[in-house]
Amino acid sequence: MAAYGTKEAFLQYAEDHGYVISGGTTDAQIVAAMLRGSLFIDRYEPKFSGTRTGGFDQERAWPRTGAVTYYGQAIPSDVVPQALIKASYEASFLELINPGILSPVVTGNSVTKREKVGELEVEYAVSGNSSSAEAVAAATPVVTMIEGLLWQFMRVRIPGILAV
């Protein structure tokens, strides 16, 4: 499975943005983080316009056929937009410094409502009727840098009026 972008371009992106990658980091760790970062970007697929150019068996969500920007500009069916690749680099860096941060494991019946350590006590707001989808959404981090890079590839949502 291939990640968006290349390892060399990811390392350059990290350097250009002042991100520090530990000297002991192996190529295998970088490649694995890039794969996890790309998988995180692919979670946005339901919001992207168009369909996978290579069909359902295509590894990544991009390239896409019939994709357009928020402003209606056509994206060629053989192109992965640079902003999307940069978003995957942002996700990859987060995964490199803290593996698994973008893929939280949520178990609905083991939510901690109150914790006490010594004199410190914390109580969390927990909805008693949350669905598993709500629990996952609450546990998944929102990375504003990634959202800022991807918004232009999202489908335009036009409120509809239902007449019967």
C-alpha atoms as a PDB file:
ATOM      1  CA  MET A   1       0.000   0.000   0.000  1.00  0.00           C
ATOM      2  CA  ALA A   2       1.342   3.408  -0.907  1.00  0.00           C
ATOM      3  CA  ALA A   3       1.069   6.609   1.089  1.00  0.00           C
ATOM      4  CA  TYR A   4       0.279  10.001  -0.352  1.00  0.00           C
ATOM      5  CA  GLY A   5       3.509  11.718  -1.354  1.00  0.00           C
ATOM      6  CA  THR A   6       7.046  10.462  -0.897  1.00  0.00           C
ATOM      7  CA  LYS A   7       9.266   9.960   2.130  1.00  0.00           C
ATOM      8  CA  GLU A   8      11.744  12.516   0.799  1.00  0.00           C
ATOM      9  CA  ALA A   9       9.033  15.125   0.244  1.00  0.00           C
ATOM     10  CA  PHE A  10       7.597  14.405   3.707  1.00  0.00           C
ATOM     11  CA  LEU A  11      11.008  14.932   5.330  1.00  0.00           C
ATOM     12  CA  GLN A  12      11.443  18.203   3.411  1.00  0.00           C
ATOM     13  CA  TYR A  13       7.944  19.334   4.417  1.00  0.00           C
ATOM     14  CA  ALA A  14       8.714  18.563   8.063  1.00  0.00           C
ATOM     15  CA  GLU A  15      11.988  20.485   7.883  1.00  0.00           C
ATOM     16  CA  ASP A  16      10.373  23.460   6.115  1.00  0.00           C
ATOM     17  CA  HIS A  17       7.709  23.666   8.837  1.00  0.00           C
ATOM     18  CA  GLY A  18      10.146  23.324  11.733  1.00  0.00           C
ATOM     19  CA  TYR A  19       8.972  19.852  12.734  1.00  0.00           C
ATOM     20  CA  VAL A  20      11.716  17.881  14.468  1.00  0.00           C
ATOM     21  CA  ILE A  21      12.057  14.202  13.668  1.00  0.00           C
ATOM     22  CA  SER A  22      14.184  12.341  16.173  1.00  0.00           C
ATOM     23  CA  GLY A  23      17.585  11.243  14.890  1.00  0.00           C
ATOM     24  CA  GLY A  24      16.863   7.656  15.918  1.00  0.00           C
ATOM     25  CA  THR A  25      13.751   7.432  13.757  1.00  0.00           C
ATOM     26  CA  THR A  26      14.035   4.643  11.188  1.00  0.00           C
ATOM     27  CA  ASP A  27      12.869   4.684   7.579  1.00  0.00           C
ATOM     28  CA  ALA A  28      10.392   1.936   8.482  1.00  0.00           C
ATOM     29  CA  GLN A  29       8.863   4.125  11.216  1.00  0.00           C
ATOM     30  CA  ILE A  30       8.558   7.053   8.801  1.00  0.00           C
ATOM     31  CA  VAL A  31       6.923   4.925   6.101  1.00  0.00           C
ATOM     32  CA  ALA A  32       4.517   3.378   8.636  1.00  0.00           C
ATOM     33  CA  ALA A  33       3.559   6.833   9.950  1.00  0.00           C
ATOM     34  CA  MET A  34       2.974   8.010   6.379  1.00  0.00           C
ATOM     35  CA  LEU A  35       0.653   5.063   5.746  1.00  0.00           C
ATOM     36  CA  ARG A  36      -1.320   5.811   8.913  1.00  0.00           C
ATOM     37  CA  GLY A  37      -1.431   9.512   7.986  1.00  0.00           C
ATOM     38  CA  SER A  38      -2.777   8.637   4.537  1.00  0.00           C
ATOM     39  CA  LEU A  39      -5.415   6.360   6.064  1.00  0.00           C
ATOM     40  CA  PHE A  40      -6.504   9.266   8.261  1.00  0.00           C
ATOM     41  CA  ILE A  41      -6.948  11.488   5.195  1.00  0.00           C
ATOM     42  CA  ASP A  42      -8.950   8.738   3.481  1.00  0.00           C
ATOM     43  CA  ARG A  43     -11.490   8.906   6.338  1.00  0.00           C
ATOM     44  CA  TYR A  44     -12.652  12.168   4.758  1.00  0.00           C
ATOM     45  CA  GLU A  45     -13.636  10.330   1.555  1.00  0.00           C
ATOM     46  CA  PRO A  46     -17.418  10.574   2.094  1.00  0.00           C
ATOM     47  CA  LYS A  47     -17.024  14.356   2.040  1.00  0.00           C
ATOM     48  CA  PHE A  48     -14.939  14.443  -1.176  1.00  0.00           C
ATOM     49  CA  SER A  49     -16.585  15.008  -4.535  1.00  0.00           C
ATOM     50  CA  GLY A  50     -16.184  12.502  -7.352  1.00  0.00           C
ATOM     51  CA  THR A  51     -15.379   8.794  -7.190  1.00  0.00           C
ATOM     52  CA  ARG A  52     -12.171   6.789  -7.082  1.00  0.00           C
ATOM     53  CA  THR A  53     -10.594   6.796 -10.542  1.00  0.00           C
ATOM     54  CA  GLY A  54      -9.542   3.155 -10.172  1.00  0.00           C
ATOM     55  CA  GLY A  55     -12.862   1.999  -8.738  1.00  0.00           C
ATOM     56  CA  PHE A  56     -13.592   0.390  -5.396  1.00  0.00           C
ATOM     57  CA  ASP A  57     -10.354  -1.618  -5.438  1.00  0.00           C
ATOM     58  CA  GLN A  58      -8.151   1.503  -5.552  1.00  0.00           C
ATOM     59  CA  GLU A  59      -5.967   1.650  -2.422  1.00  0.00           C
ATOM     60  CA  ARG A  60      -6.351   5.352  -1.610  1.00  0.00           C
ATOM     61  CA  ALA A  61      -9.307   7.740  -1.921  1.00  0.00           C
ATOM     62  CA  TRP A  62      -7.356   9.807  -4.478  1.00  0.00           C
ATOM     63  CA  PRO A  63      -7.039  10.265  -7.435  1.00  0.00           C
ATOM     64  CA  ARG A  64     -10.738  10.780  -8.194  1.00  0.00           C
ATOM     65  CA  THR A  65     -12.879  11.101 -11.298  1.00  0.00           C
ATOM     66  CA  GLY A  66     -15.402  13.935 -11.377  1.00  0.00           C
ATOM     67  CA  ALA A  67     -13.820  15.699  -8.408  1.00  0.00           C
ATOM     68  CA  VAL A  68     -14.140  19.459  -8.206  1.00  0.00           C
ATOM     69  CA  THR A  69     -12.978  22.075  -5.751  1.00  0.00           C
ATOM     70  CA  TYR A  70     -15.353  23.963  -3.513  1.00  0.00           C
ATOM     71  CA  TYR A  71     -15.358  26.638  -6.216  1.00  0.00           C
ATOM     72  CA  GLY A  72     -16.279  24.201  -8.993  1.00  0.00           C
ATOM     73  CA  GLN A  73     -12.831  23.872 -10.578  1.00  0.00           C
ATOM     74  CA  ALA A  74     -12.342  20.422 -12.103  1.00  0.00           C
ATOM     75  CA  ILE A  75      -9.544  18.279 -10.673  1.00  0.00           C
ATOM     76  CA  PRO A  76      -7.974  16.009 -13.314  1.00  0.00           C
ATOM     77  CA  SER A  77      -8.684  12.318 -12.719  1.00  0.00           C
ATOM     78  CA  ASP A  78      -4.976  11.482 -12.533  1.00  0.00           C
ATOM     79  CA  VAL A  79      -4.066  14.153  -9.964  1.00  0.00           C
ATOM     80  CA  VAL A  80      -3.721  14.021  -6.195  1.00  0.00           C
ATOM     81  CA  PRO A  81      -3.923  17.681  -5.115  1.00  0.00           C
ATOM     82  CA  GLN A  82      -0.828  19.057  -3.384  1.00  0.00           C
ATOM     83  CA  ALA A  83      -2.900  20.394  -0.482  1.00  0.00           C
ATOM     84  CA  LEU A  84      -4.188  16.873   0.146  1.00  0.00           C
ATOM     85  CA  ILE A  85      -0.630  15.497   0.124  1.00  0.00           C
ATOM     86  CA  LYS A  86       0.410  18.225   2.583  1.00  0.00           C
ATOM     87  CA  ALA A  87      -2.546  17.327   4.807  1.00  0.00           C
ATOM     88  CA  SER A  88      -1.322  13.726   4.784  1.00  0.00           C
ATOM     89  CA  TYR A  89       2.151  14.968   5.811  1.00  0.00           C
ATOM     90  CA  GLU A  90       0.594  16.798   8.761  1.00  0.00           C
ATOM     91  CA  ALA A  91      -1.220  13.623   9.790  1.00  0.00           C
ATOM     92  CA  SER A  92       1.927  11.570   9.208  1.00  0.00           C
ATOM     93  CA  PHE A  93       3.989  13.784  11.494  1.00  0.00           C
ATOM     94  CA  LEU A  94       1.399  13.488  14.269  1.00  0.00           C
ATOM     95  CA  GLU A  95       1.445   9.714  13.835  1.00  0.00           C
ATOM     96  CA  LEU A  96       5.259   9.666  13.815  1.00  0.00           C
ATOM     97  CA  ILE A  97       5.613  11.498  17.127  1.00  0.00           C
ATOM     98  CA  ASN A  98       2.651   9.766  18.784  1.00  0.00           C
ATOM     99  CA  PRO A  99       1.679   6.525  16.987  1.00  0.00           C
ATOM    100  CA  GLY A 100      -2.055   5.853  17.005  1.00  0.00           C
ATOM    101  CA  ILE A 101      -3.091   9.367  18.054  1.00  0.00           C
ATOM    102  CA  LEU A 102      -5.355   9.743  15.012  1.00  0.00           C
ATOM    103  CA  SER A 103      -7.003   6.334  15.464  1.00  0.00           C
ATOM    104  CA  PRO A 104      -8.358   6.169  19.003  1.00  0.00           C
ATOM    105  CA  VAL A 105      -9.850   2.923  20.202  1.00  0.00           C
ATOM    106  CA  VAL A 106     -13.190   3.591  21.847  1.00  0.00           C
ATOM    107  CA  THR A 107     -15.096   1.154  24.012  1.00  0.00           C
ATOM    108  CA  GLY A 108     -18.477   2.566  24.951  1.00  0.00           C
ATOM    109  CA  ASN A 109     -18.914   0.624  28.151  1.00  0.00           C
ATOM    110  CA  SER A 110     -15.531   1.569  29.603  1.00  0.00           C
ATOM    111  CA  VAL A 111     -15.834   5.346  29.553  1.00  0.00           C
ATOM    112  CA  THR A 112     -14.326   6.931  32.655  1.00  0.00           C
ATOM    113  CA  LYS A 113     -16.727   9.341  34.313  1.00  0.00           C
ATOM    114  CA  ARG A 114     -14.635  10.314  37.330  1.00  0.00           C
ATOM    115  CA  GLU A 115     -10.968   9.918  38.223  1.00  0.00           C
ATOM    116  CA  LYS A 116      -9.215  10.684  41.494  1.00  0.00           C
ATOM    117  CA  VAL A 117      -5.469  10.699  41.985  1.00  0.00           C
ATOM    118  CA  GLY A 118      -4.399  11.945  45.399  1.00  0.00           C
ATOM    119  CA  GLU A 119      -6.097  15.265  46.063  1.00  0.00           C
ATOM    120  CA  LEU A 120      -6.920  15.834  42.384  1.00  0.00           C
ATOM    121  CA  GLU A 121     -10.349  14.710  41.207  1.00  0.00           C
ATOM    122  CA  VAL A 122     -11.739  15.183  37.703  1.00  0.00           C
ATOM    123  CA  GLU A 123     -15.277  14.459  36.512  1.00  0.00           C
ATOM    124  CA  TYR A 124     -15.932  14.261  32.782  1.00  0.00           C
ATOM    125  CA  ALA A 125     -19.135  15.154  30.997  1.00  0.00           C
ATOM    126  CA  VAL A 126     -20.477  11.865  29.653  1.00  0.00           C
ATOM    127  CA  SER A 127     -23.734  11.446  27.811  1.00  0.00           C
ATOM    128  CA  GLY A 128     -25.536   8.341  28.970  1.00  0.00           C
ATOM    129  CA  ASN A 129     -27.195   7.722  25.605  1.00  0.00           C
ATOM    130  CA  SER A 130     -24.257   8.298  23.253  1.00  0.00           C
ATOM    131  CA  SER A 131     -24.074   6.082  20.213  1.00  0.00           C
ATOM    132  CA  SER A 132     -20.837   4.378  19.251  1.00  0.00           C
ATOM    133  CA  ALA A 133     -20.521   6.820  16.327  1.00  0.00           C
ATOM    134  CA  GLU A 134     -20.795   9.749  18.756  1.00  0.00           C
ATOM    135  CA  ALA A 135     -18.189   8.169  21.043  1.00  0.00           C
ATOM    136  CA  VAL A 136     -15.777   7.734  18.133  1.00  0.00           C
ATOM    137  CA  ALA A 137     -16.399  11.295  16.936  1.00  0.00           C
ATOM    138  CA  ALA A 138     -15.763  12.639  20.446  1.00  0.00           C
ATOM    139  CA  ALA A 139     -12.512  10.664  20.756  1.00  0.00           C
ATOM    140  CA  THR A 140     -11.123  11.479  17.293  1.00  0.00           C
ATOM    141  CA  PRO A 141      -8.928  14.571  17.288  1.00  0.00           C
ATOM    142  CA  VAL A 142      -9.784  17.457  15.006  1.00  0.00           C
ATOM    143  CA  VAL A 143      -6.589  18.835  13.488  1.00  0.00           C
ATOM    144  CA  THR A 144      -7.311  22.341  12.269  1.00  0.00           C
ATOM    145  CA  MET A 145      -4.251  22.404  10.005  1.00  0.00           C
ATOM    146  CA  ILE A 146      -5.532  19.295   8.181  1.00  0.00           C
ATOM    147  CA  GLU A 147      -9.088  20.618   8.030  1.00  0.00           C
ATOM    148  CA  GLY A 148      -7.743  23.872   6.589  1.00  0.00           C
ATOM    149  CA  LEU A 149      -5.888  22.049   3.828  1.00  0.00           C
ATOM    150  CA  LEU A 150      -8.795  19.745   2.917  1.00  0.00           C
ATOM    151  CA  TRP A 151     -11.864  22.011   3.019  1.00  0.00           C
ATOM    152  CA  GLN A 152     -11.520  23.063  -0.617  1.00  0.00           C
ATOM    153  CA  PHE A 153     -12.025  19.444  -1.758  1.00  0.00           C
ATOM    154  CA  MET A 154     -15.212  18.881   0.220  1.00  0.00           C
ATOM    155  CA  ARG A 155     -18.612  18.693  -1.419  1.00  0.00           C
ATOM    156  CA  VAL A 156     -20.703  21.817  -1.255  1.00  0.00           C
ATOM    157  CA  ARG A 157     -23.616  21.209   1.074  1.00  0.00           C
ATOM    158  CA  ILE A 158     -26.721  23.014  -0.098  1.00  0.00           C
ATOM    159  CA  PRO A 159     -29.652  22.951   2.282  1.00  0.00           C
ATOM    160  CA  GLY A 160     -32.661  21.427   0.617  1.00  0.00           C
ATOM    161  CA  ILE A 161     -36.327  22.043   1.010  1.00  0.00           C
ATOM    162  CA  LEU A 162     -38.551  19.031   1.176  1.00  0.00           C
ATOM    163  CA  ALA A 163     -41.975  19.600  -0.317  1.00  0.00           C
ATOM    164  CA  VAL A 164     -44.699  17.026  -0.106  1.00  0.00           C
END
